[in-house]
C-alpha cells in the first residue's frame, strides 16, 4: 500500500509539473517537451563540473563556444554577464585571437555605467546618393536576414518585436514580407533571386508588386541578395511539404510544390545591368538600395567600385557575409570551403573601394558571427559601419545550438514550421530577451570604444586591435590585412558629423581620432 501511495504521489507530481510546463511561456523547450526538458537545464547547471573531467572546455565548441552562448543568454535575460577568475583562452598561443589596445588617456567620454549613456547610431543610409528616403539608422546593430519559412512565425514575431523595443532594424530575408514582420520593427526588405513577394507567375521580377509591398509596411531600405555565407553561388530549396498556403501566399508560389531559388538573378546579368536595376528600385521607391554578398572572385567588386567611381550610379550600402556559414542550411562543402571568411572577405572588398576613395560614399554592413563584442570590434576596426546579427539573435530567444535547422525539428520551435514545436515560443517574452541582447551588445561596443579612447565604434581603427599571429607574436589588423594609411577610418566630414552627434549627447570625440 505504501509503495502504491508513493507511486500515485509521484505520478501526481509529474502530472502537475507537466501541466505547468505546458502552460508556462518562459521556456519554449519545456512547453514542447514537458518534464523531460528539465534534464537539459539540470545538465546545464552542473555543466562546469562535468566539463572539468569528461566534456569539452568552455572555448572548444563550435560554431559558438559555451562561453559565448552563456554571454548571450545572460545578456538576453538581463542577468550578470560578467566572468570571474580570469580567461579560459590560452592568450599567448591562440592564433587569430584579437586583442584590443586600451588607452590610458582620452578626452571626455560617456560614463558606461550610466544606464542613460548614449548608444551609437550609424551614418546616413542613402545620403551620399541623395535618395528621397535617406535616413540615419538609430542603431549600429541590427537583425540579419532570416526568412519566414526558415524560421517559424513565432520566432519572426519575437525578433521583430524585439527590434522595435531595441530601436533596431530587422531584415526580412528573401522569403518575402510576412504578417510576422509587422510587429513594430523597422524593416530592410531583402530581394533574392526568386523575387518572392514581388514576382510574376514565371518567377521574374515585378516592380509594381514591389511598390505595393513597400507601401504597406515600414520598409526603410531594400537589400538585393546576391549570395549568402551559408551557400554562396547555390540556390535554396524549400520542399513542397513546407510550402503551406500561408507561405505560398506570401512568396507568390503554388501551394505544396517544391520552391527553388535560382543561383543567379534573372533581372540583371552583370554589374552594369545590376546598377540599372538598383537605380530603378531606388527611383520607384525612394529607398536606399544595397547588395548583400559573400566574397569570392574579386572581379565583381572591382567592377562595382569602378562603375561607382563615375558618380552617376551606385549602391547605397554593401552587406558582406562571411563564408563560415550561418542560419541557412547548406551542403557541408559550402559551409566549410566556399567563399572567404568574413575578415578576409570584408577587408578585400573594403580595400577595393578605399583604393578609389569611395568608402565614405556608401555604408558597409558586416554579418557572419559578429554578434559577439570581440568580433564586432574587429569588424568596426576594419571599416564596417553597421553589423547584422543572425544566429546570436536566435540564441537570445531560446536557440540551444541543436544544429537541426535543416531538419524542421528544431526543439525550441525557432527554425521549424512544425506547429507543435513553434508553439513553444511566446513572442511577448522572447521579444523582451531579443531586445535586451541587442541593447547589451551596443552597450558593450561603447564600452570597448571608450577603452580605446573613442566614443563610437566606427572610430576604432585597424591599428587599435592586434591579432595573434603565432606563439608570442601579434600584428595589427592593418598589418594582417595590408591596410594602407587611413584605411578603416572615417573621412574628416563623417568623423566631425559623429563628433557633433555625440557632443549633442554630452560626449566629445577626441580630435586626434577623426
Protein backbone atom coordinates (compact mmCIF):
# COMPACT_ATOMS: atom_id res chain seq x y z
CA UNK A 1 0.00 0.00 0.00
CA UNK A 2 2.83 2.36 0.92
CA UNK A 3 4.57 1.74 -2.44
CA UNK A 4 1.28 2.29 -4.24
CA UNK A 5 0.74 5.59 -2.42
CA UNK A 6 4.26 6.73 -3.25
CA UNK A 7 3.70 5.80 -6.88
CA UNK A 8 0.43 7.71 -7.01
CA UNK A 9 2.02 10.75 -5.40
CA UNK A 10 4.91 10.61 -7.84
CA UNK A 11 2.56 10.33 -10.78
CA UNK A 12 0.54 13.27 -9.50
CA UNK A 13 3.68 15.36 -9.04
CA UNK A 14 4.86 14.54 -12.55
CA UNK A 15 1.42 15.40 -13.94
CA UNK A 16 1.46 18.75 -12.17
CA UNK A 17 4.94 19.54 -13.47
CA UNK A 18 3.84 18.56 -16.99
CA UNK A 19 0.74 20.74 -16.74
CA UNK A 20 2.81 23.69 -15.52
CA UNK A 21 5.35 23.19 -18.31
CA UNK A 22 2.65 23.14 -20.95
CA UNK A 23 1.04 26.43 -19.88
CA UNK A 24 4.13 28.46 -18.89
CA UNK A 25 5.56 30.79 -21.53
CA UNK A 26 9.08 31.41 -20.30
CA UNK A 27 10.82 28.33 -21.73
CA UNK A 28 9.97 27.04 -25.22
CA UNK A 29 11.84 23.78 -24.58
CA UNK A 30 9.63 22.92 -21.59
CA UNK A 31 6.43 23.74 -23.46
CA UNK A 32 7.41 21.37 -26.24
CA UNK A 33 8.97 18.69 -24.02
CA UNK A 34 7.31 18.88 -20.59
CA UNK A 35 9.08 17.21 -17.64
CA UNK A 36 11.93 15.69 -19.68
CA UNK A 37 13.02 19.15 -20.81
CA UNK A 38 14.17 19.87 -17.26
CA UNK A 39 17.05 17.46 -17.82
CA UNK A 40 18.64 19.97 -20.18
CA UNK A 41 18.63 22.68 -17.53
CA UNK A 42 19.99 20.25 -14.91
CA UNK A 43 22.88 19.29 -17.19
CA UNK A 44 23.47 22.97 -17.98
CA UNK A 45 23.59 23.78 -14.28
CA UNK A 46 26.16 21.11 -13.46
CA UNK A 47 27.95 21.54 -16.78
CA UNK A 48 31.08 23.28 -15.40
CA UNK A 49 31.75 20.36 -13.07
CA UNK A 50 31.16 17.74 -15.77
CA UNK A 51 33.31 19.54 -18.30
CA UNK A 52 36.32 19.52 -16.00
CA UNK A 53 36.54 15.75 -16.45
CA UNK A 54 34.67 14.37 -19.45
CA UNK A 55 33.46 17.09 -21.81
CA UNK A 56 34.92 19.91 -23.89
CA UNK A 57 36.24 23.15 -22.45
CA UNK A 58 34.33 26.41 -22.42
CA UNK A 59 36.12 27.58 -25.56
CA UNK A 60 36.22 24.43 -27.71
CA UNK A 61 32.67 24.11 -29.04
CA UNK A 62 31.70 25.45 -32.47
CA UNK A 63 30.15 27.37 -34.05
CA UNK A 64 29.54 29.13 -30.73
CA UNK A 65 31.50 28.16 -27.66
CA UNK A 66 29.87 27.62 -24.31
CA UNK A 67 31.27 30.90 -23.01
CA UNK A 68 29.86 32.76 -25.98
CA UNK A 69 26.43 31.22 -25.60
CA UNK A 70 26.50 31.89 -21.86
CA UNK A 71 27.23 35.56 -22.50
CA UNK A 72 24.35 35.84 -24.97
CA UNK A 73 21.89 34.00 -22.71
CA UNK A 74 22.81 36.11 -19.68
CA UNK A 75 22.59 39.33 -21.71
CA UNK A 76 19.18 38.39 -23.10
CA UNK A 77 17.86 37.58 -19.62
CA UNK A 78 19.41 40.77 -18.17
CA UNK A 79 21.43 38.66 -15.76
CA UNK A 80 25.03 39.10 -14.70
CA UNK A 81 27.05 38.51 -17.89
CA UNK A 82 30.47 39.01 -16.31
CA UNK A 83 33.02 36.19 -16.00
CA UNK A 84 35.22 35.60 -12.98
CA UNK A 85 38.62 34.15 -12.20
CA UNK A 86 40.29 35.03 -15.47
CA UNK A 87 40.09 33.93 -19.07
CA UNK A 88 39.69 30.40 -20.43
CA UNK A 89 41.64 31.43 -23.54
CA UNK A 90 45.28 30.47 -23.99
CA UNK A 91 46.06 34.12 -24.67
CA UNK A 92 49.67 33.69 -25.85
CA UNK A 93 49.05 30.90 -28.34
CA UNK A 94 45.57 31.07 -29.91
CA UNK A 95 46.23 32.10 -33.49
CA UNK A 96 43.68 34.60 -34.80
CA UNK A 97 42.64 35.83 -31.35
CA UNK A 98 42.03 39.59 -31.21
CA UNK A 99 43.46 41.95 -28.60
CA UNK A 100 42.05 45.45 -28.15
CA UNK A 101 44.67 48.01 -27.15
CA UNK A 102 43.23 50.27 -24.48
CA UNK A 103 44.46 53.85 -23.98
CA UNK A 104 45.48 55.38 -20.69
CA UNK A 105 44.21 58.86 -21.50
CA UNK A 106 41.26 60.11 -23.54
CA UNK A 107 39.08 63.17 -23.87
CA UNK A 108 35.64 63.25 -22.25
CA UNK A 109 33.76 60.02 -22.82
CA UNK A 110 30.33 58.79 -21.70
CA UNK A 111 30.03 57.04 -18.36
CA UNK A 112 29.43 53.46 -19.42
CA UNK A 113 27.92 52.62 -16.04
CA UNK A 114 25.23 55.24 -16.63
CA UNK A 115 22.06 53.46 -17.85
CA UNK A 116 21.21 56.61 -19.82
CA UNK A 117 24.56 56.71 -21.63
CA UNK A 118 24.00 57.25 -25.38
CA UNK A 119 24.03 54.28 -27.73
CA UNK A 120 25.70 54.69 -31.13
CA UNK A 121 23.69 55.44 -34.26
CA UNK A 122 25.01 54.90 -37.79
CA UNK A 123 25.92 57.17 -40.68
CA UNK A 124 23.10 58.23 -43.02
CA UNK A 125 21.94 55.41 -45.29
CA UNK A 126 21.33 56.65 -48.82
CA UNK A 127 22.55 60.17 -48.08
CA UNK A 128 25.55 60.31 -50.47
CA UNK A 129 23.36 59.31 -53.43
CA UNK A 130 20.53 61.64 -52.42
CA UNK A 131 17.81 59.04 -52.05
CA UNK A 132 14.43 60.57 -51.31
CA UNK A 133 14.02 58.49 -48.16
CA UNK A 134 17.61 58.53 -46.91
CA UNK A 135 17.78 58.16 -43.12
CA UNK A 136 20.13 57.69 -40.21
CA UNK A 137 19.68 54.24 -38.59
CA UNK A 138 19.30 54.56 -34.86
CA UNK A 139 21.45 51.51 -34.17
CA UNK A 140 24.76 50.15 -35.46
CA UNK A 141 23.49 46.67 -34.51
CA UNK A 142 20.55 45.20 -36.42
CA UNK A 143 18.92 41.80 -37.07
CA UNK A 144 20.18 39.87 -40.06
CA UNK A 145 18.22 38.27 -42.89
CA UNK A 146 16.26 35.20 -41.77
CA UNK A 147 13.11 34.39 -43.73
CA UNK A 148 9.71 33.29 -42.54
CA UNK A 149 9.84 29.72 -43.79
CA UNK A 150 13.31 29.05 -42.49
CA UNK A 151 12.15 30.45 -39.12
CA UNK A 152 8.74 29.93 -37.59
CA UNK A 153 6.18 32.71 -37.48
CA UNK A 154 6.50 32.88 -33.70
CA UNK A 155 10.28 33.33 -33.97
CA UNK A 156 9.97 36.06 -36.60
CA UNK A 157 7.37 37.83 -34.47
CA UNK A 158 9.63 37.68 -31.42
CA UNK A 159 12.59 39.09 -33.36
CA UNK A 160 10.56 41.86 -34.95
CA UNK A 161 9.01 42.90 -31.64
CA UNK A 162 12.48 42.79 -30.12
CA UNK A 163 13.80 45.02 -32.90
CA UNK A 164 11.03 47.51 -32.19
CA UNK A 165 11.78 47.52 -28.45
CA UNK A 166 15.53 47.97 -29.04
CA UNK A 167 15.19 50.53 -31.83
CA UNK A 168 16.95 48.37 -34.43
CA UNK A 169 16.10 47.26 -37.95
CA UNK A 170 15.02 43.75 -38.95
CA UNK A 171 15.93 42.22 -42.32
CA UNK A 172 13.08 40.14 -43.78
CA UNK A 173 15.28 37.61 -45.57
CA UNK A 174 14.49 36.61 -49.14
CA UNK A 175 11.25 34.78 -48.24
CA UNK A 176 9.11 37.90 -48.52
CA UNK A 177 7.39 40.20 -46.06
CA UNK A 178 5.08 38.18 -43.81
CA UNK A 179 2.47 39.24 -41.23
CA UNK A 180 5.01 38.23 -38.58
CA UNK A 181 7.30 41.02 -39.73
CA UNK A 182 4.61 43.57 -38.88
CA UNK A 183 5.09 43.87 -35.14
CA UNK A 184 6.50 47.37 -34.98
CA UNK A 185 10.11 46.89 -36.08
CA UNK A 186 11.57 48.84 -39.00
CA UNK A 187 12.38 46.57 -41.92
CA UNK A 188 15.04 46.02 -44.54
CA UNK A 189 13.28 44.18 -47.36
CA UNK A 190 15.52 41.60 -48.97
CA UNK A 191 15.02 40.66 -52.61
CA UNK A 192 16.54 37.33 -53.58
CA UNK A 193 16.93 35.52 -56.87
CA UNK A 194 13.35 34.19 -56.76
CA UNK A 195 11.87 37.68 -56.10
CA UNK A 196 9.43 36.33 -53.51
CA UNK A 197 6.59 38.76 -52.86
CA UNK A 198 7.40 40.84 -55.94
CA UNK A 199 7.39 38.32 -58.76
CA UNK A 200 5.38 37.32 -61.78
CA UNK A 201 3.98 33.82 -62.21
CA UNK A 202 7.06 32.78 -64.15
CA UNK A 203 9.40 33.93 -61.35
CA UNK A 204 10.58 37.15 -62.97
CA UNK A 205 10.71 40.48 -61.12
CA UNK A 206 7.61 42.71 -60.91
CA UNK A 207 8.31 46.30 -59.85
CA UNK A 208 4.61 47.11 -59.36
CA UNK A 209 4.29 44.36 -56.75
CA UNK A 210 7.43 45.65 -55.06
CA UNK A 211 5.88 49.12 -54.77
CA UNK A 212 2.76 47.59 -53.21
CA UNK A 213 4.80 45.67 -50.62
CA UNK A 214 6.87 48.72 -49.70
CA UNK A 215 3.84 50.99 -49.46
CA UNK A 216 2.14 48.75 -46.93
CA UNK A 217 4.96 48.18 -44.44
CA UNK A 218 7.65 50.10 -42.50
CA UNK A 219 10.37 49.27 -45.05
CA UNK A 220 13.38 51.56 -44.58
CA UNK A 221 15.78 50.06 -47.16
CA UNK A 222 15.98 47.35 -49.80
CA UNK A 223 18.74 44.75 -49.98
CA UNK A 224 19.39 42.75 -53.15
CA UNK A 225 20.75 39.37 -52.14
CA UNK A 226 23.45 38.13 -54.48
CA UNK A 227 24.63 35.35 -52.18
CA UNK A 228 24.91 34.41 -48.52
CA UNK A 229 27.66 32.89 -46.45
CA UNK A 230 25.89 29.57 -45.92
CA UNK A 231 25.67 28.68 -49.61
CA UNK A 232 27.25 31.26 -51.92
CA UNK A 233 26.57 30.57 -55.58
CA UNK A 234 23.92 27.97 -54.72
CA UNK A 235 20.17 28.50 -54.86
CA UNK A 236 17.98 27.45 -51.97
CA UNK A 237 15.21 24.86 -51.87
CA UNK A 238 12.04 24.84 -49.77
CA UNK A 239 10.46 21.37 -50.00
CA UNK A 240 6.85 21.26 -51.12
CA UNK A 241 5.78 19.84 -47.75
CA UNK A 242 6.80 23.13 -46.17
CA UNK A 243 5.01 25.30 -48.73
CA UNK A 244 1.87 25.92 -46.74
CA UNK A 245 -0.95 28.12 -48.08
CA UNK A 246 0.36 30.93 -45.85
CA UNK A 247 3.93 30.70 -47.18
CA UNK A 248 2.67 30.30 -50.76
CA UNK A 249 0.59 33.46 -50.45
CA UNK A 250 3.48 35.49 -49.06
CA UNK A 251 6.01 34.26 -51.62
CA UNK A 252 3.65 34.17 -54.61
CA UNK A 253 4.23 30.49 -55.39
CA UNK A 254 2.00 27.39 -55.77
CA UNK A 255 0.94 25.55 -52.62
CA UNK A 256 2.63 22.23 -51.89
CA UNK A 257 5.22 22.41 -54.69
CA UNK A 258 8.99 22.46 -54.25
CA UNK A 259 10.21 26.03 -54.23
CA UNK A 260 13.66 26.52 -55.74
CA UNK A 261 15.61 29.77 -55.61
CA UNK A 262 17.88 30.13 -58.66
CA UNK A 263 21.59 30.57 -58.08
CA UNK A 264 21.66 33.80 -60.14
CA UNK A 265 19.36 36.77 -60.78
CA UNK A 266 17.30 36.97 -63.98
CA UNK A 267 16.73 40.75 -63.75
CA UNK A 268 20.39 41.53 -64.46
CA UNK A 269 23.48 39.71 -65.72
CA UNK A 270 26.48 41.92 -64.95
CA UNK A 271 27.49 44.91 -62.81
CA UNK A 272 26.29 47.43 -65.39
CA UNK A 273 22.77 45.96 -65.61
CA UNK A 274 22.72 45.39 -61.83
CA UNK A 275 23.28 49.09 -61.23
CA UNK A 276 20.43 49.88 -63.64
CA UNK A 277 18.28 47.55 -61.52
CA UNK A 278 19.43 49.29 -58.32
CA UNK A 279 18.62 52.73 -59.69
CA UNK A 280 15.21 51.52 -60.94
CA UNK A 281 14.26 50.28 -57.48
CA UNK A 282 15.56 53.45 -55.83
CA UNK A 283 13.61 55.64 -58.25
CA UNK A 284 10.39 53.65 -57.82
CA UNK A 285 10.52 53.51 -54.01
CA UNK A 286 12.77 56.40 -52.93
CA UNK A 287 14.52 53.99 -50.56
CA UNK A 288 18.23 53.31 -50.10
CA UNK A 289 19.20 50.18 -52.04
CA UNK A 290 22.17 47.90 -51.41
CA UNK A 291 23.53 44.45 -52.15
CA UNK A 292 24.41 41.51 -49.94
CA UNK A 293 27.06 39.00 -50.88
CA UNK A 294 29.67 36.60 -49.64
CA UNK A 295 33.10 37.25 -51.14
CA UNK A 296 34.68 35.01 -53.72
CA UNK A 297 36.18 36.21 -57.01
CA UNK A 298 37.12 39.88 -56.67
CA UNK A 299 36.31 40.80 -60.27
CA UNK A 300 32.73 41.69 -59.33
CA UNK A 301 33.83 44.09 -56.60
CA UNK A 302 36.47 45.73 -58.77
CA UNK A 303 33.88 46.33 -61.49
CA UNK A 304 31.36 47.69 -58.98
CA UNK A 305 33.87 50.13 -57.50
CA UNK A 306 34.96 51.25 -60.98
CA UNK A 307 31.38 51.95 -62.05
CA UNK A 308 30.65 53.81 -58.83
CA UNK A 309 33.74 55.95 -59.26
CA UNK A 310 31.98 57.54 -62.26
CA UNK A 311 29.43 59.03 -59.83
CA UNK A 312 26.20 58.53 -61.80
CA UNK A 313 25.05 55.18 -60.38
CA UNK A 314 25.81 53.14 -57.31
CA UNK A 315 24.61 51.14 -54.34
CA UNK A 316 23.89 52.84 -51.03
CA UNK A 317 25.24 50.00 -48.91
CA UNK A 318 27.12 46.74 -49.18
CA UNK A 319 26.45 43.86 -46.78
CA UNK A 320 29.36 41.44 -46.62
CA UNK A 321 28.59 37.97 -45.28
CA UNK A 322 31.27 35.61 -44.03
CA UNK A 323 31.67 32.29 -45.79
CA UNK A 324 31.70 30.38 -42.50
CA UNK A 325 28.00 29.57 -42.88
CA UNK A 326 25.08 30.89 -40.90
CA UNK A 327 21.39 30.24 -40.37
CA UNK A 328 20.87 28.81 -43.85
CA UNK A 329 21.09 25.05 -44.36
CA UNK A 330 23.65 24.04 -46.96
CA UNK A 331 25.91 21.21 -48.17
CA UNK A 332 28.94 20.80 -45.93
CA UNK A 333 31.35 21.75 -48.71
CA UNK A 334 29.68 25.17 -48.97
CA UNK A 335 29.71 25.96 -45.26
CA UNK A 336 33.29 24.73 -44.92
CA UNK A 337 35.03 25.77 -48.11
CA UNK A 338 33.11 28.11 -50.46
CA UNK A 339 33.80 31.88 -50.26
CA UNK A 340 36.11 33.73 -47.90
CA UNK A 341 35.76 34.04 -44.10
CA UNK A 342 34.39 37.41 -43.01
CA UNK A 343 37.60 39.19 -42.06
CA UNK A 344 39.42 38.17 -45.23
CA UNK A 345 36.46 38.89 -47.49
CA UNK A 346 35.47 42.20 -45.97
CA UNK A 347 38.99 43.59 -45.89
CA UNK A 348 39.45 42.84 -49.59
CA UNK A 349 36.16 44.49 -50.55
CA UNK A 350 36.84 47.50 -48.33
CA UNK A 351 40.31 47.87 -49.83
CA UNK A 352 38.85 47.81 -53.35
CA UNK A 353 36.66 50.81 -52.57
CA UNK A 354 39.34 52.51 -50.47
CA UNK A 355 41.77 52.48 -53.39
CA UNK A 356 39.30 54.69 -55.29
CA UNK A 357 38.43 56.90 -52.31
CA UNK A 358 34.83 55.68 -52.16
CA UNK A 359 34.49 54.33 -48.62
CA UNK A 360 32.59 57.38 -47.33
CA UNK A 361 30.15 57.20 -50.26
CA UNK A 362 28.40 54.05 -49.06
CA UNK A 363 27.63 52.20 -45.85
CA UNK A 364 29.45 48.97 -45.10
CA UNK A 365 27.45 46.34 -43.20
CA UNK A 366 29.01 43.17 -41.82
CA UNK A 367 27.41 39.83 -40.97
CA UNK A 368 28.75 36.45 -40.01
CA UNK A 369 29.13 35.75 -36.29
CA UNK A 370 29.56 39.44 -35.46
CA UNK A 371 27.05 39.42 -32.59
CA UNK A 372 29.86 38.98 -30.08
CA UNK A 373 31.71 42.09 -28.82
CA UNK A 374 35.19 40.91 -29.83
CA UNK A 375 34.19 40.01 -33.39
CA UNK A 376 32.12 43.17 -33.74
CA UNK A 377 35.00 45.38 -32.56
CA UNK A 378 37.29 43.80 -35.16
CA UNK A 379 34.67 44.41 -37.87
CA UNK A 380 34.35 48.09 -36.94
CA UNK A 381 38.12 48.46 -36.89
CA UNK A 382 38.27 47.08 -40.43
CA UNK A 383 35.77 49.69 -41.62
CA UNK A 384 32.30 48.29 -41.01
CA UNK A 385 29.65 50.94 -40.28
CA UNK A 386 26.93 48.58 -39.01
CA UNK A 387 26.62 44.90 -38.16
CA UNK A 388 23.81 42.38 -38.58
CA UNK A 389 23.27 39.55 -36.10
CA UNK A 390 21.52 36.30 -37.01
CA UNK A 391 22.37 33.19 -35.01
CA UNK A 392 23.12 35.31 -31.94
CA UNK A 393 19.61 36.77 -32.17
CA UNK A 394 18.26 33.22 -32.39
CA UNK A 395 20.22 32.28 -29.27
CA UNK A 396 18.73 35.27 -27.47
CA UNK A 397 15.20 33.92 -28.00
CA UNK A 398 16.00 30.38 -26.88
CA UNK A 399 18.09 28.59 -29.53
CA UNK A 400 20.28 25.91 -27.90
CA UNK A 401 22.57 25.27 -30.89
CA UNK A 402 20.96 21.88 -31.55
CA UNK A 403 22.02 22.30 -35.22
CA UNK A 404 18.76 20.83 -36.51
CA UNK A 405 17.80 23.93 -38.54
CA UNK A 406 17.71 21.91 -41.77
CA UNK A 407 15.51 19.10 -40.40
CA UNK A 408 12.33 21.03 -39.46
CA UNK A 409 12.78 19.51 -35.97
CA UNK A 410 14.22 22.46 -34.07
CA UNK A 411 13.50 21.54 -30.42
CA UNK A 412 12.91 25.16 -29.39
CA UNK A 413 10.48 25.97 -32.23
CA UNK A 414 12.66 28.62 -33.87
CA UNK A 415 13.87 27.07 -37.15
CA UNK A 416 10.82 24.99 -38.00
CA UNK A 417 7.34 25.10 -39.48
CA UNK A 418 6.13 22.37 -37.13
CA UNK A 419 3.17 23.94 -35.35
CA UNK A 420 3.62 21.90 -32.18
CA UNK A 421 7.25 22.89 -31.82
CA UNK A 422 6.64 26.53 -32.77
CA UNK A 423 4.01 26.88 -30.06
CA UNK A 424 6.81 26.68 -27.51
CA UNK A 425 7.82 30.25 -28.33
CA UNK A 426 5.95 33.05 -26.60
CA UNK A 427 6.71 36.11 -28.80
CA UNK A 428 5.98 38.58 -25.99
CA UNK A 429 8.54 37.22 -23.54
CA UNK A 430 11.10 36.26 -26.18
CA UNK A 431 10.93 39.72 -27.79
CA UNK A 432 12.00 41.24 -24.48
CA UNK A 433 15.02 38.94 -24.44
CA UNK A 434 15.95 39.80 -28.03
CA UNK A 435 15.74 43.49 -27.20
CA UNK A 436 17.85 43.08 -24.05
CA UNK A 437 20.55 41.24 -26.02
CA UNK A 438 20.62 43.90 -28.77
CA UNK A 439 20.88 46.72 -26.25
CA UNK A 440 23.60 44.90 -24.32
CA UNK A 441 25.71 44.31 -27.42
CA UNK A 442 25.53 48.00 -28.31
CA UNK A 443 26.46 48.89 -24.75
CA UNK A 444 29.42 46.52 -24.85
CA UNK A 445 30.61 48.14 -28.08
CA UNK A 446 30.54 51.57 -26.49
CA UNK A 447 32.49 50.18 -23.53
CA UNK A 448 35.15 48.82 -25.88
CA UNK A 449 35.20 52.12 -27.76
CA UNK A 450 35.73 54.01 -24.51
CA UNK A 451 38.58 51.67 -23.56
CA UNK A 452 40.25 52.52 -26.85
CA UNK A 453 39.66 56.21 -26.12
CA UNK A 454 36.91 56.94 -28.63
CA UNK A 455 33.20 57.46 -28.22
CA UNK A 456 31.84 55.46 -31.16
CA UNK A 457 32.66 52.01 -32.58
CA UNK A 458 33.17 53.49 -36.04
CA UNK A 459 36.16 55.41 -34.68
CA UNK A 460 38.04 52.24 -33.71
CA UNK A 461 40.79 51.77 -36.29
CA UNK A 462 42.79 48.90 -37.75
CA UNK A 463 45.79 49.85 -35.59
CA UNK A 464 43.78 49.68 -32.35
CA UNK A 465 43.49 45.88 -32.46
CA UNK A 466 46.16 43.22 -32.79
CA UNK A 467 45.70 39.66 -33.99
CA UNK A 468 47.67 36.73 -32.59
CA UNK A 469 49.91 35.57 -35.42
CA UNK A 470 51.63 32.67 -33.68
CA UNK A 471 53.26 31.86 -30.38
CA UNK A 472 54.03 35.10 -28.54
CA UNK A 473 53.63 37.19 -31.68
CA UNK A 474 50.85 39.53 -32.80
CA UNK A 475 50.27 42.01 -35.62
CA UNK A 476 47.84 44.90 -36.00
CA UNK A 477 44.78 44.39 -38.16
CA UNK A 478 46.28 46.91 -40.55
CA UNK A 479 49.37 44.72 -40.89
CA UNK A 480 47.48 41.44 -41.20
CA UNK A 481 45.16 42.69 -43.94
CA UNK A 482 47.59 45.06 -45.69
CA UNK A 483 45.62 48.22 -44.91
CA UNK A 484 47.18 51.42 -46.14
CA UNK A 485 47.42 54.55 -44.01
CA UNK A 486 43.94 55.89 -43.29
CA UNK A 487 42.03 52.77 -44.34
CA UNK A 488 39.40 51.73 -41.84
CA UNK A 489 38.92 55.32 -40.69
CA UNK A 490 36.02 57.62 -41.41
CA UNK A 491 36.81 60.67 -43.54
CA UNK A 492 37.03 64.01 -41.76
CA UNK A 493 33.46 65.18 -42.61
CA UNK A 494 31.91 61.95 -41.27
CA UNK A 495 34.13 61.96 -38.18
CA UNK A 496 33.07 65.55 -37.50
CA UNK A 497 29.44 64.51 -38.01
CA UNK A 498 29.79 61.79 -35.38
CA UNK A 499 31.57 64.27 -33.14
CA UNK A 500 28.60 66.62 -33.38
CA UNK A 501 26.11 63.82 -32.72
CA UNK A 502 27.96 62.54 -29.67
CA UNK A 503 28.52 66.08 -28.41
CA UNK A 504 24.77 66.61 -28.55
CA UNK A 505 24.52 63.61 -26.23
CA UNK A 506 27.07 65.07 -23.86
CA UNK A 507 30.05 63.26 -25.35
CA UNK A 508 33.04 64.73 -27.18
CA UNK A 509 35.09 62.66 -29.60
CA UNK A 510 38.86 63.31 -29.33
CA UNK A 511 40.07 65.42 -32.26
CA UNK A 512 43.05 63.09 -32.71
CA UNK A 513 40.73 60.24 -33.71
CA UNK A 514 38.98 61.99 -36.59
